[in-house]
Protein backbone atom coordinates (compact mmCIF):
# COMPACT_ATOMS: atom_id res chain seq x y z
CA MET A 1 0.00 0.00 0.00
CA VAL A 2 1.60 3.28 -1.06
CA ARG A 3 0.16 6.71 -0.25
CA SER A 4 1.46 10.10 -1.23
CA ASP A 5 0.92 11.87 2.10
CA VAL A 6 3.64 12.18 4.71
CA ASP A 7 3.61 9.95 7.80
CA ALA A 8 2.00 7.25 5.68
CA VAL A 9 2.36 3.51 5.85
CA VAL A 10 4.17 2.62 2.64
CA ALA A 11 4.79 -1.09 3.11
CA THR A 12 3.97 -3.82 5.56
CA GLN A 13 6.10 -6.48 7.22
CA VAL A 14 9.49 -4.98 6.54
CA THR A 15 12.46 -6.12 8.64
CA ALA A 16 15.07 -3.90 10.26
CA GLU A 17 17.65 -5.28 7.82
CA GLU A 18 15.47 -4.30 4.84
CA LEU A 19 14.97 -0.84 6.33
CA PHE A 20 18.73 -0.41 6.78
CA ALA A 21 19.31 -1.43 3.16
CA LEU A 22 16.81 1.06 1.66
CA GLU A 23 18.28 3.46 -0.88
CA ASP A 24 18.14 7.14 0.01
CA ASP A 25 15.07 8.72 -1.59
CA GLY A 26 15.05 11.98 0.40
CA TYR A 27 12.70 10.67 3.09
CA ARG A 28 13.29 9.20 6.51
CA TYR A 29 11.52 6.02 7.57
CA ASP A 30 10.42 4.56 10.87
CA LEU A 31 9.41 0.96 11.29
CA LEU A 32 6.45 0.31 13.62
CA ALA A 33 5.62 -3.36 14.14
CA GLY A 34 6.89 -4.21 10.66
CA ASN A 35 5.07 -1.32 8.97
CA LEU A 36 7.29 1.10 7.08
CA ILE A 37 6.26 4.70 7.85
CA ARG A 38 7.55 7.47 5.55
CA VAL A 39 8.39 10.68 7.35
CA SER A 40 9.03 13.96 5.58
CA PRO A 41 12.36 15.72 6.18
CA ALA A 42 12.11 18.06 9.17
CA GLY A 43 11.17 21.69 8.63
CA PHE A 44 13.38 24.55 9.79
CA ARG A 45 11.54 25.17 13.09
CA HIS A 46 11.65 21.46 13.90
CA GLY A 47 15.36 21.32 13.12
CA ARG A 48 16.16 24.33 15.30
CA LEU A 49 14.31 22.83 18.25
CA ALA A 50 16.03 19.47 17.78
CA ALA A 51 19.44 21.15 17.61
CA GLU A 52 18.71 23.20 20.74
CA ILE A 53 17.62 20.13 22.71
CA VAL A 54 20.69 18.14 21.63
CA TYR A 55 22.88 21.14 22.48
CA ARG A 56 21.36 21.43 25.98
CA LEU A 57 21.51 17.69 26.67
CA ARG A 58 25.07 17.42 25.33
CA GLY A 59 26.18 20.40 27.40
CA PHE A 60 24.75 18.88 30.57
CA VAL A 61 26.27 15.46 29.90
CA GLY A 62 29.60 17.13 29.10
CA ASP A 63 29.51 18.86 32.49
CA HIS A 64 28.55 15.58 34.22
CA PRO A 65 30.74 12.84 32.69
CA GLY A 66 29.49 9.30 32.86
CA LEU A 67 25.77 10.14 32.79
CA GLY A 68 25.11 9.32 29.19
CA VAL A 69 25.74 9.57 25.49
CA VAL A 70 23.58 11.97 23.46
CA VAL A 71 22.65 11.24 19.86
CA GLY A 72 20.87 13.42 17.36
CA ALA A 73 18.07 12.96 14.91
CA GLU A 74 17.65 9.86 12.83
CA THR A 75 19.75 7.55 15.01
CA GLY A 76 17.91 4.26 14.69
CA PHE A 77 17.09 2.06 17.66
CA ARG A 78 15.69 -1.43 17.14
CA LEU A 79 13.10 -1.73 19.89
CA SER A 80 11.57 -5.10 19.03
CA ARG A 81 11.80 -8.07 16.68
CA THR A 82 9.26 -10.10 14.73
CA PRO A 83 7.70 -7.82 13.78
CA ASP A 84 10.54 -5.32 13.90
CA THR A 85 10.22 -1.82 15.31
CA VAL A 86 13.01 0.66 14.52
CA LEU A 87 12.54 4.29 15.49
CA GLY A 88 14.80 7.31 14.98
CA PRO A 89 13.91 9.93 17.60
CA ASP A 90 14.88 13.58 17.23
CA ALA A 91 17.27 13.15 20.17
CA ALA A 92 18.10 10.39 22.63
CA VAL A 93 20.28 9.67 25.63
CA VAL A 94 21.75 6.27 26.43
CA ARG A 95 23.60 5.52 29.65
CA PRO A 96 27.18 4.62 28.67
CA GLU A 97 27.21 1.32 30.58
CA ARG A 98 24.34 0.10 28.37
CA LEU A 99 26.14 0.72 25.08
CA PRO A 100 27.43 -2.31 23.19
CA SER A 101 31.04 -2.51 22.08
CA PRO A 102 32.04 -0.04 19.31
CA GLU A 103 32.28 -2.77 16.66
CA VAL A 104 28.50 -3.39 16.81
CA GLN A 105 27.49 0.28 16.86
CA SER A 106 27.52 0.76 13.07
CA GLY A 107 23.91 -0.31 12.51
CA TYR A 108 20.80 0.23 14.57
CA LEU A 109 21.42 -0.20 18.26
CA GLU A 110 19.34 -3.06 19.58
CA LEU A 111 18.29 -1.38 22.78
CA ALA A 112 15.86 1.19 24.10
CA PRO A 113 17.42 4.57 24.90
CA ASP A 114 16.99 5.92 28.42
CA LEU A 115 15.56 9.26 27.24
CA VAL A 116 13.83 9.92 23.92
CA VAL A 117 12.75 13.22 22.36
CA GLU A 118 10.15 13.37 19.59
CA ILE A 119 9.25 16.73 18.06
CA VAL A 120 5.80 16.90 16.50
CA SER A 121 5.78 18.22 12.93
CA PRO A 122 2.66 19.80 11.37
CA SER A 123 2.30 16.73 9.15
CA ASP A 124 2.52 14.21 12.02
CA ARG A 125 -0.58 12.25 12.99
CA TRP A 126 -1.25 11.96 16.70
CA THR A 127 -2.09 8.29 16.29
CA THR A 128 1.42 7.65 14.97
CA VAL A 129 3.01 9.80 17.69
CA SER A 130 1.04 7.85 20.32
CA GLU A 131 2.12 4.53 18.78
CA LYS A 132 5.73 5.65 18.96
CA VAL A 133 5.39 6.66 22.62
CA ASP A 134 3.77 3.31 23.41
CA SER A 135 6.58 1.48 21.57
CA TYR A 136 9.26 3.41 23.44
CA LEU A 137 7.71 2.75 26.84
CA ALA A 138 7.03 -0.93 26.06
CA ALA A 139 10.69 -1.35 25.06
CA GLY A 140 11.88 0.10 28.38
CA VAL A 141 12.56 3.79 27.67
CA SER A 142 12.51 5.56 31.05
CA LEU A 143 11.48 9.00 29.83
CA VAL A 144 9.84 10.29 26.63
CA TRP A 145 9.45 13.98 25.77
CA VAL A 146 7.02 14.87 22.98
CA VAL A 147 7.67 18.47 21.98
CA GLU A 148 4.73 20.40 20.52
CA PRO A 149 6.18 23.52 18.81
CA LYS A 150 2.85 25.10 17.86
CA ALA A 151 1.49 24.88 21.42
CA ARG A 152 4.91 25.69 22.95
CA ALA A 153 4.45 22.66 25.17
CA VAL A 154 6.03 19.31 26.00
CA ARG A 155 4.25 16.10 26.97
CA VAL A 156 6.28 14.00 29.39
CA TYR A 157 5.76 10.23 29.55
CA THR A 158 7.17 7.61 31.90
CA SER A 159 6.13 4.03 32.55
CA GLU A 160 5.40 4.87 36.20
CA ALA A 161 3.32 8.05 35.92
CA ALA A 162 0.49 9.53 33.90
CA GLU A 163 1.28 11.90 31.05
CA ARG A 164 2.23 15.40 32.17
CA ARG A 165 1.87 18.41 29.88
CA MET A 166 4.25 21.28 30.47
CA ARG A 167 3.87 24.70 28.89
CA ALA A 168 6.17 27.64 28.20
CA ASP A 169 3.44 30.12 29.17
CA HIS A 170 3.30 28.50 32.65
CA ASP A 171 7.08 28.94 33.09
CA ASP A 172 7.47 25.16 33.39
CA VAL A 173 10.95 23.62 33.53
CA LEU A 174 11.63 20.37 31.70
CA GLU A 175 13.52 17.91 33.91
CA ALA A 176 15.13 14.58 33.04
CA GLU A 177 14.87 12.58 36.27
CA PRO A 178 15.91 9.79 36.71
CA VAL A 179 18.02 9.69 33.52
CA LEU A 180 19.92 12.98 34.00
CA PRO A 181 19.56 14.06 37.65
CA GLY A 182 19.80 17.83 37.99
CA PHE A 183 19.02 18.64 34.34
CA GLY A 184 16.58 21.50 33.87
CA LEU A 185 15.50 23.36 30.75
CA PRO A 186 13.00 26.22 31.11
CA LEU A 187 10.51 25.88 28.27
CA THR A 188 10.62 29.66 27.74
CA GLU A 189 14.31 29.23 26.84
CA LEU A 190 13.69 26.23 24.63
CA PHE A 191 10.98 27.94 22.59
CA ALA A 192 12.90 31.25 22.49
CA ALA A 193 15.48 29.36 20.39
CA GLU A 194 13.05 28.87 17.48
């Protein structure tokens, strides 16, 4: 089944190996339970927010060695097999002791990151965003941030607590407990960067 709209299922029952072998066609793909999802390249606003979040996370980790490794957009994580789920969040943090040896880091990492950031694009469907959040949590991700640029808000998900929605106009501060203790990012600063 092929559709022309973005965030569309373009094929079913694809493996992680087949996804990795796809030729570059200008799109990015996620794999949700074997379904190949085409995602449009990020817009400028999306890219600026992603860069700012990676910058802030990387700065904090640099000041606190040993807490984690920060990766940017499109780094693929294989979250499940048969059917395969491979997602490439806009940013992620993995505790260094969980990383496999360097020789097996060339493909998708077969682990769930500790912290995941997804930025909602105007073309994203909330059903797909929700499926991604569910997949992350089911795979063992401790903390998921879903950034909503238009609303200037962030939804925070953990496996232990109900969803929390934080807003820039409430002067909320985004924290990363328990993954990065002491990290704080005022949402007014995050959204001022766009």
